[in-house]
């Protein structure tokens, strides 16, 4: 199961990079198609808001790949500070 978690971590990283690149590509195409202030502001906000989400996906995937989730606690007694 830990091996699957590690490989899925790579999938999360790839998914984050791919989805953000598609978002940026679409934003640039839409801004070139209709270069009004409304369109530029709208797509800029989409890109800015989704950037931390994509970074979080990359961090989650990296931690899964490095093995941070190999042992998950079964109860609150096993949680360490």
N, C-alpha and C. Protein backbone atom coordinates (compact mmCIF):
# COMPACT_ATOMS: atom_id res chain seq x y z
N UNK A 1 0.81 -1.19 0.00
CA UNK A 1 0.00 0.00 0.00
C UNK A 1 0.86 1.26 0.00
N UNK A 2 2.00 1.23 0.69
CA UNK A 2 2.87 2.40 0.73
C UNK A 2 3.46 2.71 -0.64
N UNK A 3 3.71 1.68 -1.43
CA UNK A 3 4.22 1.89 -2.78
C UNK A 3 3.17 2.59 -3.64
N UNK A 4 1.92 2.20 -3.47
CA UNK A 4 0.83 2.85 -4.21
C UNK A 4 0.73 4.32 -3.81
N UNK A 5 0.88 4.61 -2.52
CA UNK A 5 0.83 6.00 -2.05
C UNK A 5 1.94 6.82 -2.69
N UNK A 6 3.13 6.22 -2.81
CA UNK A 6 4.24 6.95 -3.40
C UNK A 6 4.00 7.25 -4.87
N UNK A 7 3.49 6.27 -5.60
CA UNK A 7 3.22 6.50 -7.02
C UNK A 7 2.07 7.48 -7.21
N UNK A 8 1.07 7.42 -6.34
CA UNK A 8 -0.03 8.38 -6.43
C UNK A 8 0.44 9.79 -6.08
N UNK A 9 1.48 9.90 -5.28
CA UNK A 9 2.08 11.21 -5.02
C UNK A 9 2.62 11.83 -6.30
N UNK A 10 3.25 11.02 -7.12
CA UNK A 10 3.73 11.50 -8.42
C UNK A 10 2.57 11.89 -9.32
N UNK A 11 1.48 11.14 -9.23
CA UNK A 11 0.28 11.46 -10.01
C UNK A 11 -0.28 12.81 -9.58
N UNK A 12 -0.32 13.09 -8.27
CA UNK A 12 -0.81 14.37 -7.77
C UNK A 12 0.06 15.51 -8.29
N UNK A 13 1.37 15.32 -8.27
CA UNK A 13 2.27 16.37 -8.76
C UNK A 13 2.02 16.63 -10.24
N UNK A 14 1.94 15.56 -11.02
CA UNK A 14 1.71 15.72 -12.45
C UNK A 14 0.35 16.35 -12.73
N UNK A 15 -0.65 15.95 -11.97
CA UNK A 15 -1.99 16.50 -12.16
C UNK A 15 -2.02 18.00 -11.85
N UNK A 16 -1.33 18.42 -10.81
CA UNK A 16 -1.30 19.84 -10.44
C UNK A 16 -0.61 20.66 -11.53
N UNK A 17 0.52 20.18 -12.00
CA UNK A 17 1.26 20.92 -13.03
C UNK A 17 0.46 20.96 -14.33
N UNK A 18 -0.11 19.84 -14.70
CA UNK A 18 -0.88 19.77 -15.95
C UNK A 18 -2.12 20.65 -15.90
N UNK A 19 -2.86 20.59 -14.80
CA UNK A 19 -4.10 21.37 -14.72
C UNK A 19 -3.80 22.87 -14.68
N UNK A 20 -2.73 23.27 -13.99
CA UNK A 20 -2.41 24.70 -13.95
C UNK A 20 -1.90 25.18 -15.30
N UNK A 21 -1.17 24.34 -16.01
CA UNK A 21 -0.70 24.75 -17.33
C UNK A 21 -1.87 24.89 -18.30
N UNK A 22 -2.87 24.01 -18.19
CA UNK A 22 -4.07 24.13 -19.03
C UNK A 22 -4.82 25.42 -18.69
N UNK A 23 -4.92 25.73 -17.39
CA UNK A 23 -5.59 26.96 -16.99
C UNK A 23 -4.87 28.18 -17.55
N UNK A 24 -3.55 28.21 -17.45
CA UNK A 24 -2.81 29.35 -17.98
C UNK A 24 -2.94 29.45 -19.50
N UNK A 25 -2.89 28.32 -20.18
CA UNK A 25 -3.03 28.32 -21.64
C UNK A 25 -4.40 28.86 -22.04
N UNK A 26 -5.44 28.41 -21.36
CA UNK A 26 -6.79 28.89 -21.65
C UNK A 26 -6.92 30.37 -21.34
N UNK A 27 -6.34 30.81 -20.23
CA UNK A 27 -6.42 32.23 -19.86
C UNK A 27 -5.75 33.10 -20.90
N UNK A 28 -4.59 32.69 -21.36
CA UNK A 28 -3.87 33.49 -22.37
C UNK A 28 -4.65 33.52 -23.68
N UNK A 29 -5.22 32.38 -24.07
CA UNK A 29 -6.02 32.34 -25.31
C UNK A 29 -7.24 33.24 -25.20
N UNK A 30 -7.94 33.19 -24.08
CA UNK A 30 -9.14 34.01 -23.90
C UNK A 30 -8.80 35.50 -23.84
N UNK A 31 -7.68 35.84 -23.21
CA UNK A 31 -7.30 37.24 -23.13
C UNK A 31 -6.89 37.78 -24.50
N UNK A 32 -6.31 36.93 -25.34
CA UNK A 32 -5.97 37.36 -26.70
C UNK A 32 -7.22 37.45 -27.57
N UNK A 33 -8.18 36.57 -27.32
CA UNK A 33 -9.40 36.54 -28.13
C UNK A 33 -10.27 37.77 -27.87
N UNK A 34 -10.47 38.09 -26.60
CA UNK A 34 -11.29 39.25 -26.21
C UNK A 34 -10.46 40.09 -25.24
N UNK A 35 -9.64 41.00 -25.76
CA UNK A 35 -8.74 41.75 -24.87
C UNK A 35 -9.41 42.95 -24.20
N UNK A 36 -10.45 42.67 -23.44
CA UNK A 36 -11.08 43.74 -22.66
C UNK A 36 -10.60 43.66 -21.22
N UNK A 37 -10.83 44.73 -20.49
CA UNK A 37 -10.40 44.78 -19.10
C UNK A 37 -11.11 43.72 -18.26
N UNK A 38 -12.39 43.51 -18.53
CA UNK A 38 -13.15 42.51 -17.77
C UNK A 38 -12.57 41.11 -17.94
N UNK A 39 -12.24 40.76 -19.16
CA UNK A 39 -11.69 39.43 -19.43
C UNK A 39 -10.33 39.25 -18.78
N UNK A 40 -9.50 40.26 -18.88
CA UNK A 40 -8.16 40.18 -18.30
C UNK A 40 -8.24 40.04 -16.78
N UNK A 41 -9.10 40.82 -16.15
CA UNK A 41 -9.24 40.74 -14.69
C UNK A 41 -9.80 39.38 -14.28
N UNK A 42 -10.81 38.91 -15.01
CA UNK A 42 -11.43 37.62 -14.67
C UNK A 42 -10.42 36.48 -14.74
N UNK A 43 -9.69 36.37 -15.83
CA UNK A 43 -8.76 35.25 -15.98
C UNK A 43 -7.54 35.41 -15.07
N UNK A 44 -7.16 36.64 -14.79
CA UNK A 44 -6.05 36.85 -13.85
C UNK A 44 -6.45 36.38 -12.45
N UNK A 45 -7.67 36.67 -12.06
CA UNK A 45 -8.14 36.22 -10.74
C UNK A 45 -8.22 34.70 -10.69
N UNK A 46 -8.70 34.07 -11.76
CA UNK A 46 -8.73 32.60 -11.80
C UNK A 46 -7.32 32.03 -11.61
N UNK A 47 -6.36 32.58 -12.32
CA UNK A 47 -4.98 32.08 -12.25
C UNK A 47 -4.38 32.31 -10.87
N UNK A 48 -4.64 33.47 -10.29
CA UNK A 48 -4.07 33.78 -8.97
C UNK A 48 -4.68 32.91 -7.89
N UNK A 49 -5.99 32.68 -7.95
CA UNK A 49 -6.65 31.88 -6.93
C UNK A 49 -6.27 30.40 -7.04
N UNK A 50 -6.10 29.90 -8.24
CA UNK A 50 -5.78 28.49 -8.39
C UNK A 50 -4.31 28.17 -8.13
N UNK A 51 -3.44 29.17 -8.16
CA UNK A 51 -2.01 28.91 -7.93
C UNK A 51 -1.73 28.30 -6.55
N UNK A 52 -2.26 28.82 -5.43
CA UNK A 52 -2.00 28.16 -4.15
C UNK A 52 -2.59 26.75 -4.07
N UNK A 53 -3.70 26.54 -4.75
CA UNK A 53 -4.30 25.20 -4.76
C UNK A 53 -3.37 24.23 -5.47
N UNK A 54 -2.82 24.65 -6.61
CA UNK A 54 -1.89 23.80 -7.35
C UNK A 54 -0.61 23.56 -6.54
N UNK A 55 -0.14 24.58 -5.86
CA UNK A 55 1.05 24.41 -5.02
C UNK A 55 0.76 23.42 -3.89
N UNK A 56 -0.43 23.50 -3.32
CA UNK A 56 -0.82 22.54 -2.27
C UNK A 56 -0.87 21.12 -2.79
N UNK A 57 -1.38 20.94 -4.01
CA UNK A 57 -1.38 19.60 -4.61
C UNK A 57 0.04 19.08 -4.80
N UNK A 58 0.94 19.96 -5.24
CA UNK A 58 2.34 19.55 -5.43
C UNK A 58 2.97 19.18 -4.09
N UNK A 59 2.71 19.97 -3.06
CA UNK A 59 3.26 19.67 -1.73
C UNK A 59 2.72 18.35 -1.19
N UNK A 60 1.41 18.14 -1.35
CA UNK A 60 0.80 16.89 -0.90
C UNK A 60 1.41 15.70 -1.64
N UNK A 61 1.56 15.83 -2.95
CA UNK A 61 2.15 14.75 -3.74
C UNK A 61 3.60 14.49 -3.36
N UNK A 62 4.35 15.56 -3.10
CA UNK A 62 5.76 15.40 -2.72
C UNK A 62 5.87 14.69 -1.36
N UNK A 63 5.01 15.07 -0.43
CA UNK A 63 5.05 14.42 0.88
C UNK A 63 4.64 12.95 0.78
N UNK A 64 3.67 12.66 -0.07
CA UNK A 64 3.27 11.26 -0.27
C UNK A 64 4.40 10.48 -0.93
N UNK A 65 5.08 11.10 -1.88
CA UNK A 65 6.20 10.43 -2.55
C UNK A 65 7.36 10.18 -1.60
N UNK A 66 7.59 11.12 -0.69
CA UNK A 66 8.69 10.97 0.27
C UNK A 66 8.35 10.02 1.42
N UNK A 67 7.08 9.60 1.56
CA UNK A 67 6.72 8.63 2.58
C UNK A 67 6.19 9.22 3.86
N UNK A 68 5.70 10.44 3.83
CA UNK A 68 5.18 11.07 5.05
C UNK A 68 3.89 10.43 5.52
N UNK A 69 3.20 9.74 4.63
CA UNK A 69 1.92 9.13 4.97
C UNK A 69 2.02 7.60 5.06
N UNK A 70 3.22 7.08 5.29
CA UNK A 70 3.39 5.63 5.37
C UNK A 70 2.70 5.05 6.61
N UNK A 71 2.79 5.74 7.74
CA UNK A 71 2.13 5.26 8.95
C UNK A 71 1.11 6.31 9.39
N UNK A 72 -0.14 5.98 9.25
CA UNK A 72 -1.21 6.87 9.69
C UNK A 72 -1.75 6.35 11.02
N UNK A 73 -1.99 7.23 11.99
CA UNK A 73 -2.47 6.78 13.30
C UNK A 73 -3.89 6.21 13.21
N UNK A 74 -4.11 5.13 13.96
CA UNK A 74 -5.42 4.51 14.00
C UNK A 74 -6.33 5.18 15.02
N UNK A 75 -5.75 5.79 16.05
CA UNK A 75 -6.55 6.49 17.05
C UNK A 75 -5.79 7.74 17.48
N UNK A 76 -6.46 8.57 18.26
CA UNK A 76 -5.82 9.81 18.70
C UNK A 76 -4.70 9.56 19.70
N UNK A 77 -4.66 8.38 20.30
CA UNK A 77 -3.59 8.04 21.24
C UNK A 77 -2.26 7.87 20.53
N UNK A 78 -2.29 7.55 19.25
CA UNK A 78 -1.06 7.34 18.50
C UNK A 78 -0.48 8.63 17.90
N UNK A 79 -1.19 9.73 18.02
CA UNK A 79 -0.74 10.99 17.43
C UNK A 79 0.42 11.54 18.27
N UNK A 80 1.49 11.89 17.57
CA UNK A 80 2.67 12.46 18.23
C UNK A 80 2.78 13.93 17.87
N UNK A 81 3.23 14.73 18.80
CA UNK A 81 3.42 16.17 18.54
C UNK A 81 4.77 16.43 17.95
